[in-house]
């Protein structure tokens, strides 16, 4: 697996959109680290409408 290289100017434009509130991430659901398997099942079976976040707490 590789990582895509995003041009710096694109990242700066994205940052500006986030900081000004013109763009906001959509979080479908959060899970604690201990429920990672459940989070993956949610992604695979429930068709998340946004990001699924794993928290350290």
C-alpha atoms as a PDB file:
ATOM      1  CA  UNK A   1       0.000   0.000   0.000  1.00  0.00           C
ATOM      2  CA  UNK A   2       1.246   3.431  -0.828  1.00  0.00           C
ATOM      3  CA  UNK A   3       0.267   6.924   0.110  1.00  0.00           C
ATOM      4  CA  UNK A   4      -0.871   9.558  -2.332  1.00  0.00           C
ATOM      5  CA  UNK A   5       1.148  12.757  -2.358  1.00  0.00           C
ATOM      6  CA  UNK A   6      -1.103  15.797  -2.154  1.00  0.00           C
ATOM      7  CA  UNK A   7       0.296  19.107  -3.413  1.00  0.00           C
ATOM      8  CA  UNK A   8       0.966  21.645  -0.661  1.00  0.00           C
ATOM      9  CA  UNK A   9      -1.265  24.280  -2.299  1.00  0.00           C
ATOM     10  CA  UNK A  10      -4.188  21.837  -2.184  1.00  0.00           C
ATOM     11  CA  UNK A  11      -3.607  21.129   1.504  1.00  0.00           C
ATOM     12  CA  UNK A  12      -3.448  24.855   2.261  1.00  0.00           C
ATOM     13  CA  UNK A  13      -6.723  25.428   0.384  1.00  0.00           C
ATOM     14  CA  UNK A  14      -8.333  22.572   2.306  1.00  0.00           C
ATOM     15  CA  UNK A  15      -7.104  23.995   5.609  1.00  0.00           C
ATOM     16  CA  UNK A  16      -8.613  27.369   4.795  1.00  0.00           C
ATOM     17  CA  UNK A  17     -11.979  25.780   3.992  1.00  0.00           C
ATOM     18  CA  UNK A  18     -11.932  23.877   7.284  1.00  0.00           C
ATOM     19  CA  UNK A  19     -10.870  26.901   9.342  1.00  0.00           C
ATOM     20  CA  UNK A  20     -13.560  29.140   7.837  1.00  0.00           C
ATOM     21  CA  UNK A  21     -16.283  26.542   8.359  1.00  0.00           C
ATOM     22  CA  UNK A  22     -17.009  26.203   4.643  1.00  0.00           C
ATOM     23  CA  UNK A  23     -16.151  22.522   4.850  1.00  0.00           C
ATOM     24  CA  UNK A  24     -16.817  20.178   7.757  1.00  0.00           C
ATOM     25  CA  UNK A  25     -16.038  16.500   8.148  1.00  0.00           C
ATOM     26  CA  UNK A  26     -19.033  14.199   8.527  1.00  0.00           C
ATOM     27  CA  UNK A  27     -18.615  11.715  11.350  1.00  0.00           C
ATOM     28  CA  UNK A  28     -21.064   8.837  11.167  1.00  0.00           C
ATOM     29  CA  UNK A  29     -20.129   7.216  14.460  1.00  0.00           C
ATOM     30  CA  UNK A  30     -17.321   6.989  17.014  1.00  0.00           C
ATOM     31  CA  UNK A  31     -16.070   3.882  18.803  1.00  0.00           C
ATOM     32  CA  UNK A  32     -13.547   3.443  21.614  1.00  0.00           C
ATOM     33  CA  UNK A  33     -10.361   1.574  20.736  1.00  0.00           C
ATOM     34  CA  UNK A  34     -11.619  -1.572  22.454  1.00  0.00           C
ATOM     35  CA  UNK A  35     -14.542  -1.736  20.016  1.00  0.00           C
ATOM     36  CA  UNK A  36     -12.503  -1.553  16.819  1.00  0.00           C
ATOM     37  CA  UNK A  37     -13.935  -4.836  15.529  1.00  0.00           C
ATOM     38  CA  UNK A  38     -17.446  -3.461  16.001  1.00  0.00           C
ATOM     39  CA  UNK A  39     -16.472  -0.304  14.115  1.00  0.00           C
ATOM     40  CA  UNK A  40     -15.182  -2.363  11.203  1.00  0.00           C
ATOM     41  CA  UNK A  41     -18.411  -4.382  11.153  1.00  0.00           C
ATOM     42  CA  UNK A  42     -20.314  -1.092  11.047  1.00  0.00           C
ATOM     43  CA  UNK A  43     -18.287   0.005   8.030  1.00  0.00           C
ATOM     44  CA  UNK A  44     -18.772  -3.282   6.234  1.00  0.00           C
ATOM     45  CA  UNK A  45     -22.407  -4.011   7.050  1.00  0.00           C
ATOM     46  CA  UNK A  46     -24.184  -0.746   7.768  1.00  0.00           C
ATOM     47  CA  UNK A  47     -22.909   1.463   4.940  1.00  0.00           C
ATOM     48  CA  UNK A  48     -21.637   4.409   6.981  1.00  0.00           C
ATOM     49  CA  UNK A  49     -22.679   7.819   5.667  1.00  0.00           C
ATOM     50  CA  UNK A  50     -19.556   9.521   6.989  1.00  0.00           C
ATOM     51  CA  UNK A  51     -16.300   8.693   8.696  1.00  0.00           C
ATOM     52  CA  UNK A  52     -16.133   6.112  11.459  1.00  0.00           C
ATOM     53  CA  UNK A  53     -13.728   7.295  14.157  1.00  0.00           C
ATOM     54  CA  UNK A  54     -11.785   5.142  16.623  1.00  0.00           C
ATOM     55  CA  UNK A  55     -10.969   7.033  19.836  1.00  0.00           C
ATOM     56  CA  UNK A  56      -8.185   6.278  22.292  1.00  0.00           C
ATOM     57  CA  UNK A  57     -10.453   6.757  25.298  1.00  0.00           C
END
